[in-house]
Amino acid sequence: YNASIPTGKCIRRNIQSNQPPFQGCGTCDIFTDTGFANYDNQKSDCFYPSVDALEAIHQHYPHATLLWMVRNTTEWYQSMKQWGN
């Protein structure tokens, strides 16, 4: 486990390496809000495991319980714009 690597980036790295998504990403039994978004004028980097990695999570953890939160898209976008500044 490397605490200097954000959980979302750890999950993405594992998926790209065909490893179990949460391997080495912490010793937690529960993971929440593991996504990340970095925006600047040069490039954007955004990854949300609950969207981008759902199939890989299910493949490696078929008995896991996933809670799907629904939010108004416009409100979420406005919140992300403010959060990223």
Protein backbone atom coordinates (compact mmCIF):
# COMPACT_ATOMS: atom_id res chain seq x y z
CA TYR A 1 0.00 0.00 0.00
CA ASN A 2 1.36 3.41 -0.99
CA ALA A 3 -0.50 6.25 0.75
CA SER A 4 1.05 8.79 -1.63
CA ILE A 5 -0.96 7.38 -4.56
CA PRO A 6 -4.64 8.41 -4.50
CA THR A 7 -6.97 5.41 -4.40
CA GLY A 8 -8.56 6.20 -7.77
CA LYS A 9 -5.17 6.30 -9.46
CA CYS A 10 -4.18 3.04 -7.76
CA ILE A 11 -7.37 1.38 -9.01
CA ARG A 12 -6.84 2.64 -12.55
CA ARG A 13 -3.22 1.46 -12.56
CA ASN A 14 -4.30 -2.00 -11.41
CA ILE A 15 -6.97 -2.29 -14.10
CA GLN A 16 -4.50 -1.22 -16.78
CA SER A 17 -2.15 -3.97 -15.50
CA ASN A 18 -4.95 -6.59 -15.40
CA GLN A 19 -4.71 -6.81 -11.61
CA PRO A 20 -7.60 -6.87 -9.13
CA PRO A 21 -8.77 -3.23 -8.92
CA PHE A 22 -8.26 -2.71 -5.18
CA GLN A 23 -5.02 -4.70 -4.83
CA GLY A 24 -2.47 -2.64 -2.91
CA CYS A 25 -4.81 0.36 -2.67
CA GLY A 26 -5.31 0.13 1.09
CA THR A 27 -6.46 -2.30 3.71
CA CYS A 28 -10.02 -1.02 3.86
CA ASP A 29 -13.15 -3.13 3.78
CA ILE A 30 -15.09 -0.18 2.36
CA PHE A 31 -14.03 2.23 -0.38
CA THR A 32 -15.98 5.43 -1.05
CA ASP A 33 -15.60 8.26 -3.52
CA THR A 34 -12.45 6.81 -5.07
CA GLY A 35 -12.69 8.85 -8.23
CA PHE A 36 -10.63 11.84 -9.16
CA ALA A 37 -10.73 14.70 -11.61
CA ASN A 38 -7.86 17.01 -12.49
CA TYR A 39 -8.57 19.86 -14.83
CA ASP A 40 -6.26 22.51 -16.18
CA ASN A 41 -5.81 24.40 -19.43
CA GLN A 42 -3.37 21.83 -20.83
CA LYS A 43 -5.17 18.53 -20.19
CA SER A 44 -7.82 16.82 -18.12
CA ASP A 45 -7.58 13.57 -16.23
CA CYS A 46 -10.73 12.04 -14.84
CA PHE A 47 -11.45 8.52 -13.58
CA TYR A 48 -14.39 7.26 -11.56
CA PRO A 49 -14.19 3.53 -10.76
CA SER A 50 -17.93 3.31 -10.12
CA VAL A 51 -18.40 4.25 -13.78
CA ASP A 52 -15.14 3.52 -15.59
CA ALA A 53 -14.24 0.28 -13.82
CA LEU A 54 -17.55 -1.30 -12.91
CA GLU A 55 -16.98 -4.39 -15.05
CA ALA A 56 -13.49 -5.00 -13.64
CA ILE A 57 -14.74 -4.54 -10.08
CA HIS A 58 -17.54 -7.04 -10.68
CA GLN A 59 -15.17 -9.50 -12.36
CA HIS A 60 -12.76 -9.53 -9.42
CA TYR A 61 -15.30 -9.04 -6.62
CA PRO A 62 -18.54 -10.69 -7.82
CA HIS A 63 -20.08 -10.77 -4.33
CA ALA A 64 -19.26 -7.16 -3.43
CA THR A 65 -22.06 -4.80 -2.52
CA LEU A 66 -22.04 -1.60 -4.56
CA LEU A 67 -24.09 1.45 -3.67
CA TRP A 68 -24.95 3.61 -6.64
CA MET A 69 -25.59 7.26 -5.83
CA VAL A 70 -27.59 9.34 -8.29
CA ARG A 71 -27.09 13.08 -8.56
CA ASN A 72 -28.42 15.79 -10.84
CA THR A 73 -25.88 16.06 -13.67
CA THR A 74 -25.91 19.85 -13.90
CA GLU A 75 -25.45 20.27 -10.14
CA TRP A 76 -22.64 17.69 -10.16
CA TYR A 77 -20.86 19.48 -13.02
CA GLN A 78 -21.09 22.87 -11.29
CA SER A 79 -19.79 21.33 -8.08
CA MET A 80 -16.86 19.70 -9.89
CA LYS A 81 -15.95 23.01 -11.57
CA GLN A 82 -15.81 24.75 -8.19
CA TRP A 83 -13.98 21.86 -6.51
CA GLY A 84 -11.31 21.74 -9.17
CA ASN A 85 -10.39 25.43 -8.80
